[in-house]
Amino acid sequence: MKLKKDDLIIIKWEDIIQYDDWIAENKASEKALVSCLTVGFYLNETKRWIRLSDTICSDTDRNVTVIPKGCILKIRRIDRIKR
């Protein structure tokens, strides 16, 4: 899928998790990654990551979230926003 700047997208991805308490090895062996959903406006991407914003204040001001592509399970375009 070819995304364009400011397309509204949802990304399903897995995040690293760390437990700082001491647990038995059998319990540690059961721990898994955390599944996340992030919704925002597509900004751009490289071979390694994708950038999106959940808030756009003007034509030039926005916040940014950067997600490594190796963590991404699925990307879906929700809508194409015309500003």
PDB file of N, CA and C in Angstrom:
ATOM      1  N   MET A   1       0.839  -1.173   0.000  1.00  0.00           N
ATOM      2  CA  MET A   1       0.000   0.000   0.000  1.00  0.00           C
ATOM      3  C   MET A   1       0.889   1.243   0.000  1.00  0.00           C
ATOM      4  N   LYS A   2       0.593   2.156  -0.872  1.00  0.00           N
ATOM      5  CA  LYS A   2       1.338   3.413  -0.965  1.00  0.00           C
ATOM      6  C   LYS A   2       0.622   4.453  -0.115  1.00  0.00           C
ATOM      7  N   LEU A   3       1.288   4.887   0.947  1.00  0.00           N
ATOM      8  CA  LEU A   3       0.707   5.893   1.829  1.00  0.00           C
ATOM      9  C   LEU A   3       1.127   7.284   1.393  1.00  0.00           C
ATOM     10  N   LYS A   4       0.223   8.249   1.615  1.00  0.00           N
ATOM     11  CA  LYS A   4       0.517   9.644   1.326  1.00  0.00           C
ATOM     12  C   LYS A   4       0.505  10.429   2.632  1.00  0.00           C
ATOM     13  N   LYS A   5       1.257  11.523   2.639  1.00  0.00           N
ATOM     14  CA  LYS A   5       1.333  12.368   3.824  1.00  0.00           C
ATOM     15  C   LYS A   5      -0.063  12.711   4.329  1.00  0.00           C
ATOM     16  N   ASP A   6      -0.258  12.563   5.623  1.00  0.00           N
ATOM     17  CA  ASP A   6      -1.491  12.850   6.356  1.00  0.00           C
ATOM     18  C   ASP A   6      -2.606  11.830   6.142  1.00  0.00           C
ATOM     19  N   ASP A   7      -2.327  10.693   5.478  1.00  0.00           N
ATOM     20  CA  ASP A   7      -3.299   9.601   5.487  1.00  0.00           C
ATOM     21  C   ASP A   7      -3.525   9.197   6.938  1.00  0.00           C
ATOM     22  N   LEU A   8      -4.766   8.963   7.305  1.00  0.00           N
ATOM     23  CA  LEU A   8      -5.090   8.495   8.641  1.00  0.00           C
ATOM     24  C   LEU A   8      -4.900   6.981   8.660  1.00  0.00           C
ATOM     25  N   ILE A   9      -3.984   6.503   9.528  1.00  0.00           N
ATOM     26  CA  ILE A   9      -3.645   5.083   9.543  1.00  0.00           C
ATOM     27  C   ILE A   9      -3.725   4.514  10.954  1.00  0.00           C
ATOM     28  N   ILE A  10      -3.833   3.195  11.019  1.00  0.00           N
ATOM     29  CA  ILE A  10      -3.729   2.479  12.284  1.00  0.00           C
ATOM     30  C   ILE A  10      -2.625   1.436  12.119  1.00  0.00           C
ATOM     31  N   ILE A  11      -1.731   1.384  13.090  1.00  0.00           N
ATOM     32  CA  ILE A  11      -0.611   0.451  13.055  1.00  0.00           C
ATOM     33  C   ILE A  11      -0.746  -0.522  14.219  1.00  0.00           C
ATOM     34  N   LYS A  12      -0.720  -1.805  13.910  1.00  0.00           N
ATOM     35  CA  LYS A  12      -0.662  -2.837  14.946  1.00  0.00           C
ATOM     36  C   LYS A  12       0.799  -3.257  15.046  1.00  0.00           C
ATOM     37  N   TRP A  13       1.346  -3.199  16.265  1.00  0.00           N
ATOM     38  CA  TRP A  13       2.764  -3.491  16.440  1.00  0.00           C
ATOM     39  C   TRP A  13       3.019  -4.102  17.806  1.00  0.00           C
ATOM     40  N   GLU A  14       4.180  -4.732  17.939  1.00  0.00           N
ATOM     41  CA  GLU A  14       4.570  -5.350  19.202  1.00  0.00           C
ATOM     42  C   GLU A  14       5.683  -4.539  19.840  1.00  0.00           C
ATOM     43  N   ASP A  15       5.533  -4.304  21.138  1.00  0.00           N
ATOM     44  CA  ASP A  15       6.515  -3.514  21.872  1.00  0.00           C
ATOM     45  C   ASP A  15       7.293  -4.404  22.836  1.00  0.00           C
ATOM     46  N   ILE A  16       8.493  -3.995  23.107  1.00  0.00           N
ATOM     47  CA  ILE A  16       9.333  -4.678  24.089  1.00  0.00           C
ATOM     48  C   ILE A  16       8.739  -4.423  25.470  1.00  0.00           C
ATOM     49  N   ILE A  17       8.836  -5.413  26.316  1.00  0.00           N
ATOM     50  CA  ILE A  17       8.374  -5.245  27.692  1.00  0.00           C
ATOM     51  C   ILE A  17       9.467  -5.727  28.629  1.00  0.00           C
ATOM     52  N   GLN A  18       9.577  -5.067  29.777  1.00  0.00           N
ATOM     53  CA  GLN A  18      10.587  -5.438  30.754  1.00  0.00           C
ATOM     54  C   GLN A  18       9.928  -5.496  32.128  1.00  0.00           C
ATOM     55  N   TYR A  19      10.158  -6.579  32.846  1.00  0.00           N
ATOM     56  CA  TYR A  19       9.642  -6.739  34.199  1.00  0.00           C
ATOM     57  C   TYR A  19      10.796  -6.534  35.166  1.00  0.00           C
ATOM     58  N   ASP A  20      10.642  -5.619  36.108  1.00  0.00           N
ATOM     59  CA  ASP A  20      11.750  -5.334  37.013  1.00  0.00           C
ATOM     60  C   ASP A  20      11.667  -6.085  38.341  1.00  0.00           C
ATOM     61  N   ASP A  21      10.646  -6.911  38.510  1.00  0.00           N
ATOM     62  CA  ASP A  21      10.573  -7.698  39.737  1.00  0.00           C
ATOM     63  C   ASP A  21      11.206  -9.070  39.518  1.00  0.00           C
ATOM     64  N   TRP A  22      11.639  -9.699  40.597  1.00  0.00           N
ATOM     65  CA  TRP A  22      12.264 -11.015  40.529  1.00  0.00           C
ATOM     66  C   TRP A  22      11.171 -12.066  40.443  1.00  0.00           C
ATOM     67  N   ILE A  23      11.264 -12.927  39.419  1.00  0.00           N
ATOM     68  CA  ILE A  23      10.281 -13.992  39.254  1.00  0.00           C
ATOM     69  C   ILE A  23      10.999 -15.300  38.938  1.00  0.00           C
ATOM     70  N   ALA A  24      10.309 -16.379  39.192  1.00  0.00           N
ATOM     71  CA  ALA A  24      10.881 -17.695  38.921  1.00  0.00           C
ATOM     72  C   ALA A  24      11.072 -17.888  37.423  1.00  0.00           C
ATOM     73  N   GLU A  25      12.028 -18.714  37.048  1.00  0.00           N
ATOM     74  CA  GLU A  25      12.349 -18.956  35.641  1.00  0.00           C
ATOM     75  C   GLU A  25      11.139 -19.461  34.858  1.00  0.00           C
ATOM     76  N   ASN A  26      10.334 -20.352  35.454  1.00  0.00           N
ATOM     77  CA  ASN A  26       9.172 -20.871  34.727  1.00  0.00           C
ATOM     78  C   ASN A  26       8.159 -19.764  34.437  1.00  0.00           C
ATOM     79  N   LYS A  27       8.013 -18.787  35.347  1.00  0.00           N
ATOM     80  CA  LYS A  27       7.114 -17.644  35.100  1.00  0.00           C
ATOM     81  C   LYS A  27       7.732 -16.697  34.062  1.00  0.00           C
ATOM     82  N   ALA A  28       9.047 -16.499  34.140  1.00  0.00           N
ATOM     83  CA  ALA A  28       9.730 -15.630  33.170  1.00  0.00           C
ATOM     84  C   ALA A  28       9.602 -16.184  31.760  1.00  0.00           C
ATOM     85  N   SER A  29       9.619 -17.501  31.634  1.00  0.00           N
ATOM     86  CA  SER A  29       9.518 -18.147  30.318  1.00  0.00           C
ATOM     87  C   SER A  29       8.150 -17.979  29.683  1.00  0.00           C
ATOM     88  N   GLU A  30       7.151 -17.557  30.448  1.00  0.00           N
ATOM     89  CA  GLU A  30       5.785 -17.374  29.937  1.00  0.00           C
ATOM     90  C   GLU A  30       5.517 -15.943  29.472  1.00  0.00           C
ATOM     91  N   LYS A  31       6.400 -15.008  29.774  1.00  0.00           N
ATOM     92  CA  LYS A  31       6.170 -13.601  29.435  1.00  0.00           C
ATOM     93  C   LYS A  31       6.293 -13.385  27.925  1.00  0.00           C
ATOM     94  N   ALA A  32       5.516 -12.434  27.418  1.00  0.00           N
ATOM     95  CA  ALA A  32       5.479 -12.178  25.974  1.00  0.00           C
ATOM     96  C   ALA A  32       5.579 -10.678  25.702  1.00  0.00           C
ATOM     97  N   LEU A  33       5.650 -10.324  24.432  1.00  0.00           N
ATOM     98  CA  LEU A  33       5.624  -8.926  24.026  1.00  0.00           C
ATOM     99  C   LEU A  33       4.232  -8.341  24.246  1.00  0.00           C
ATOM    100  N   VAL A  34       4.139  -7.032  24.225  1.00  0.00           N
ATOM    101  CA  VAL A  34       2.869  -6.343  24.363  1.00  0.00           C
ATOM    102  C   VAL A  34       2.386  -5.943  22.970  1.00  0.00           C
ATOM    103  N   SER A  35       1.130  -6.239  22.662  1.00  0.00           N
ATOM    104  CA  SER A  35       0.539  -5.855  21.384  1.00  0.00           C
ATOM    105  C   SER A  35      -0.052  -4.453  21.519  1.00  0.00           C
ATOM    106  N   CYS A  36       0.280  -3.568  20.578  1.00  0.00           N
ATOM    107  CA  CYS A  36      -0.141  -2.161  20.633  1.00  0.00           C
ATOM    108  C   CYS A  36      -0.867  -1.761  19.350  1.00  0.00           C
ATOM    109  N   LEU A  37      -1.734  -0.764  19.475  1.00  0.00           N
ATOM    110  CA  LEU A  37      -2.362  -0.111  18.335  1.00  0.00           C
ATOM    111  C   LEU A  37      -2.076   1.375  18.432  1.00  0.00           C
ATOM    112  N   THR A  38      -1.593   1.955  17.346  1.00  0.00           N
ATOM    113  CA  THR A  38      -1.336   3.393  17.293  1.00  0.00           C
ATOM    114  C   THR A  38      -2.072   3.955  16.081  1.00  0.00           C
ATOM    115  N   VAL A  39      -2.818   5.037  16.321  1.00  0.00           N
ATOM    116  CA  VAL A  39      -3.574   5.700  15.254  1.00  0.00           C
ATOM    117  C   VAL A  39      -2.992   7.085  15.049  1.00  0.00           C
ATOM    118  N   GLY A  40      -2.814   7.488  13.788  1.00  0.00           N
ATOM    119  CA  GLY A  40      -2.297   8.822  13.531  1.00  0.00           C
ATOM    120  C   GLY A  40      -2.240   9.152  12.061  1.00  0.00           C
ATOM    121  N   PHE A  41      -1.674  10.309  11.784  1.00  0.00           N
ATOM    122  CA  PHE A  41      -1.530  10.807  10.422  1.00  0.00           C
ATOM    123  C   PHE A  41      -0.125  10.475   9.924  1.00  0.00           C
ATOM    124  N   TYR A  42      -0.051   9.746   8.820  1.00  0.00           N
ATOM    125  CA  TYR A  42       1.225   9.334   8.228  1.00  0.00           C
ATOM    126  C   TYR A  42       2.060  10.561   7.879  1.00  0.00           C
ATOM    127  N   LEU A  43       3.344  10.522   8.254  1.00  0.00           N
ATOM    128  CA  LEU A  43       4.263  11.591   7.893  1.00  0.00           C
ATOM    129  C   LEU A  43       5.241  11.113   6.823  1.00  0.00           C
ATOM    130  N   ASN A  44       6.056  10.095   7.157  1.00  0.00           N
ATOM    131  CA  ASN A  44       6.993   9.531   6.183  1.00  0.00           C
ATOM    132  C   ASN A  44       7.590   8.252   6.760  1.00  0.00           C
ATOM    133  N   GLU A  45       8.498   7.639   5.993  1.00  0.00           N
ATOM    134  CA  GLU A  45       9.134   6.416   6.471  1.00  0.00           C
ATOM    135  C   GLU A  45      10.500   6.240   5.820  1.00  0.00           C
ATOM    136  N   THR A  46      11.293   5.390   6.448  1.00  0.00           N
ATOM    137  CA  THR A  46      12.576   4.971   5.903  1.00  0.00           C
ATOM    138  C   THR A  46      12.533   3.451   5.798  1.00  0.00           C
ATOM    139  N   LYS A  47      13.644   2.832   5.471  1.00  0.00           N
ATOM    140  CA  LYS A  47      13.697   1.371   5.451  1.00  0.00           C
ATOM    141  C   LYS A  47      13.536   0.793   6.854  1.00  0.00           C
ATOM    142  N   ARG A  48      13.853   1.590   7.884  1.00  0.00           N
ATOM    143  CA  ARG A  48      13.867   1.091   9.260  1.00  0.00           C
ATOM    144  C   ARG A  48      12.661   1.471  10.096  1.00  0.00           C
ATOM    145  N   TRP A  49      12.000   2.597   9.822  1.00  0.00           N
ATOM    146  CA  TRP A  49      10.878   3.014  10.655  1.00  0.00           C
ATOM    147  C   TRP A  49       9.855   3.817   9.897  1.00  0.00           C
ATOM    148  N   ILE A  50       8.707   4.026  10.571  1.00  0.00           N
ATOM    149  CA  ILE A  50       7.615   4.831  10.029  1.00  0.00           C
ATOM    150  C   ILE A  50       7.310   5.937  11.039  1.00  0.00           C
ATOM    151  N   ARG A  51       6.992   7.120  10.534  1.00  0.00           N
ATOM    152  CA  ARG A  51       6.668   8.257  11.393  1.00  0.00           C
ATOM    153  C   ARG A  51       5.212   8.657  11.183  1.00  0.00           C
ATOM    154  N   LEU A  52       4.527   8.931  12.292  1.00  0.00           N
ATOM    155  CA  LEU A  52       3.159   9.420  12.218  1.00  0.00           C
ATOM    156  C   LEU A  52       2.910  10.397  13.354  1.00  0.00           C
ATOM    157  N   SER A  53       1.846  11.179  13.227  1.00  0.00           N
ATOM    158  CA  SER A  53       1.480  12.188  14.219  1.00  0.00           C
ATOM    159  C   SER A  53       0.054  11.948  14.659  1.00  0.00           C
ATOM    160  N   ASP A  54      -0.190  12.071  15.968  1.00  0.00           N
ATOM    161  CA  ASP A  54      -1.582  11.966  16.398  1.00  0.00           C
ATOM    162  C   ASP A  54      -2.247  13.332  16.496  1.00  0.00           C
ATOM    163  N   THR A  55      -1.437  14.399  16.435  1.00  0.00           N
ATOM    164  CA  THR A  55      -1.980  15.752  16.461  1.00  0.00           C
ATOM    165  C   THR A  55      -1.237  16.621  15.446  1.00  0.00           C
ATOM    166  N   ILE A  56      -2.008  17.339  14.626  1.00  0.00           N
ATOM    167  CA  ILE A  56      -1.452  18.301  13.677  1.00  0.00           C
ATOM    168  C   ILE A  56      -2.082  19.649  13.998  1.00  0.00           C
ATOM    169  N   CYS A  57      -1.255  20.649  14.324  1.00  0.00           N
ATOM    170  CA  CYS A  57      -1.776  21.957  14.745  1.00  0.00           C
ATOM    171  C   CYS A  57      -1.851  22.969  13.609  1.00  0.00           C
ATOM    172  N   SER A  58      -1.000  22.827  12.620  1.00  0.00           N
ATOM    173  CA  SER A  58      -0.994  23.735  11.474  1.00  0.00           C
ATOM    174  C   SER A  58      -0.333  22.987  10.327  1.00  0.00           C
ATOM    175  N   ASP A  59      -0.044  23.694   9.255  1.00  0.00           N
ATOM    176  CA  ASP A  59       0.610  23.041   8.117  1.00  0.00           C
ATOM    177  C   ASP A  59       2.027  22.587   8.436  1.00  0.00           C
ATOM    178  N   THR A  60       2.635  23.153   9.491  1.00  0.00           N
ATOM    179  CA  THR A  60       4.024  22.811   9.779  1.00  0.00           C
ATOM    180  C   THR A  60       4.250  22.238  11.179  1.00  0.00           C
ATOM    181  N   ASP A  61       3.302  22.357  12.093  1.00  0.00           N
ATOM    182  CA  ASP A  61       3.504  21.907  13.474  1.00  0.00           C
ATOM    183  C   ASP A  61       2.720  20.630  13.759  1.00  0.00           C
ATOM    184  N   ARG A  62       3.419  19.660  14.346  1.00  0.00           N
ATOM    185  CA  ARG A  62       2.807  18.375  14.676  1.00  0.00           C
ATOM    186  C   ARG A  62       3.679  17.677  15.708  1.00  0.00           C
ATOM    187  N   ASN A  63       3.111  16.689  16.392  1.00  0.00           N
ATOM    188  CA  ASN A  63       3.952  15.828  17.221  1.00  0.00           C
ATOM    189  C   ASN A  63       4.369  14.638  16.365  1.00  0.00           C
ATOM    190  N   VAL A  64       5.219  13.766  16.892  1.00  0.00           N
ATOM    191  CA  VAL A  64       5.679  12.642  16.074  1.00  0.00           C
ATOM    192  C   VAL A  64       5.868  11.400  16.938  1.00  0.00           C
ATOM    193  N   THR A  65       5.469  10.268  16.376  1.00  0.00           N
ATOM    194  CA  THR A  65       5.739   8.945  16.931  1.00  0.00           C
ATOM    195  C   THR A  65       6.526   8.182  15.872  1.00  0.00           C
ATOM    196  N   VAL A  66       7.615   7.544  16.277  1.00  0.00           N
ATOM    197  CA  VAL A  66       8.454   6.770  15.362  1.00  0.00           C
ATOM    198  C   VAL A  66       8.392   5.310  15.799  1.00  0.00           C
ATOM    199  N   ILE A  67       7.955   4.432  14.896  1.00  0.00           N
ATOM    200  CA  ILE A  67       7.821   3.008  15.206  1.00  0.00           C
ATOM    201  C   ILE A  67       8.769   2.222  14.309  1.00  0.00           C
ATOM    202  N   PRO A  68       9.635   1.384  14.903  1.00  0.00           N
ATOM    203  CA  PRO A  68      10.522   0.548  14.085  1.00  0.00           C
ATOM    204  C   PRO A  68       9.712  -0.438  13.238  1.00  0.00           C
ATOM    205  N   LYS A  69      10.042  -0.552  11.964  1.00  0.00           N
ATOM    206  CA  LYS A  69       9.295  -1.446  11.073  1.00  0.00           C
ATOM    207  C   LYS A  69       9.384  -2.906  11.489  1.00  0.00           C
ATOM    208  N   GLY A  70      10.474  -3.288  12.154  1.00  0.00           N
ATOM    209  CA  GLY A  70      10.613  -4.660  12.614  1.00  0.00           C
ATOM    210  C   GLY A  70       9.594  -5.045  13.671  1.00  0.00           C
ATOM    211  N   CYS A  71       8.953  -4.061  14.294  1.00  0.00           N
ATOM    212  CA  CYS A  71       7.932  -4.306  15.320  1.00  0.00           C
ATOM    213  C   CYS A  71       6.523  -4.314  14.739  1.00  0.00           C
ATOM    214  N   ILE A  72       6.364  -3.845  13.502  1.00  0.00           N
ATOM    215  CA  ILE A  72       5.036  -3.661  12.908  1.00  0.00           C
ATOM    216  C   ILE A  72       4.486  -4.980  12.381  1.00  0.00           C
ATOM    217  N   LEU A  73       3.250  -5.271  12.774  1.00  0.00           N
ATOM    218  CA  LEU A  73       2.543  -6.460  12.298  1.00  0.00           C
ATOM    219  C   LEU A  73       1.618  -6.131  11.128  1.00  0.00           C
ATOM    220  N   LYS A  74       0.979  -4.945  11.192  1.00  0.00           N
ATOM    221  CA  LYS A  74      -0.003  -4.588  10.160  1.00  0.00           C
ATOM    222  C   LYS A  74      -0.193  -3.074  10.137  1.00  0.00           C
ATOM    223  N   ILE A  75      -0.373  -2.520   8.924  1.00  0.00           N
ATOM    224  CA  ILE A  75      -0.717  -1.108   8.737  1.00  0.00           C
ATOM    225  C   ILE A  75      -1.978  -1.057   7.887  1.00  0.00           C
ATOM    226  N   ARG A  76      -2.946  -0.264   8.340  1.00  0.00           N
ATOM    227  CA  ARG A  76      -4.179  -0.120   7.570  1.00  0.00           C
ATOM    228  C   ARG A  76      -4.524   1.356   7.438  1.00  0.00           C
ATOM    229  N   ARG A  77      -4.814   1.781   6.214  1.00  0.00           N
ATOM    230  CA  ARG A  77      -5.271   3.154   6.008  1.00  0.00           C
ATOM    231  C   ARG A  77      -6.748   3.220   6.378  1.00  0.00           C
ATOM    232  N   ILE A  78      -7.086   4.174   7.233  1.00  0.00           N
ATOM    233  CA  ILE A  78      -8.472   4.369   7.652  1.00  0.00           C
ATOM    234  C   ILE A  78      -9.177   5.333   6.716  1.00  0.00           C
ATOM    235  N   ASP A  79      -8.465   6.411   6.356  1.00  0.00           N
ATOM    236  CA  ASP A  79      -9.073   7.447   5.514  1.00  0.00           C
ATOM    237  C   ASP A  79      -7.970   8.284   4.879  1.00  0.00           C
ATOM    238  N   ARG A  80      -8.290   8.938   3.813  1.00  0.00           N
ATOM    239  CA  ARG A  80      -7.384   9.910   3.203  1.00  0.00           C
ATOM    240  C   ARG A  80      -7.931  11.295   3.533  1.00  0.00           C
ATOM    241  N   ILE A  81      -7.174  12.023   4.346  1.00  0.00           N
ATOM    242  CA  ILE A  81      -7.625  13.325   4.844  1.00  0.00           C
ATOM    243  C   ILE A  81      -7.131  14.433   3.918  1.00  0.00           C
ATOM    244  N   LYS A  82      -8.056  15.316   3.532  1.00  0.00           N
ATOM    245  CA  LYS A  82      -7.688  16.476   2.715  1.00  0.00           C
ATOM    246  C   LYS A  82      -7.767  17.685   3.605  1.00  0.00           C
ATOM    247  N   ARG A  83      -6.633  18.399   3.727  1.00  0.00           N
ATOM    248  CA  ARG A  83      -6.614  19.594   4.575  1.00  0.00           C
ATOM    249  C   ARG A  83      -6.451  20.830   3.725  1.00  0.00           C
TER     250      ARG A  83
END
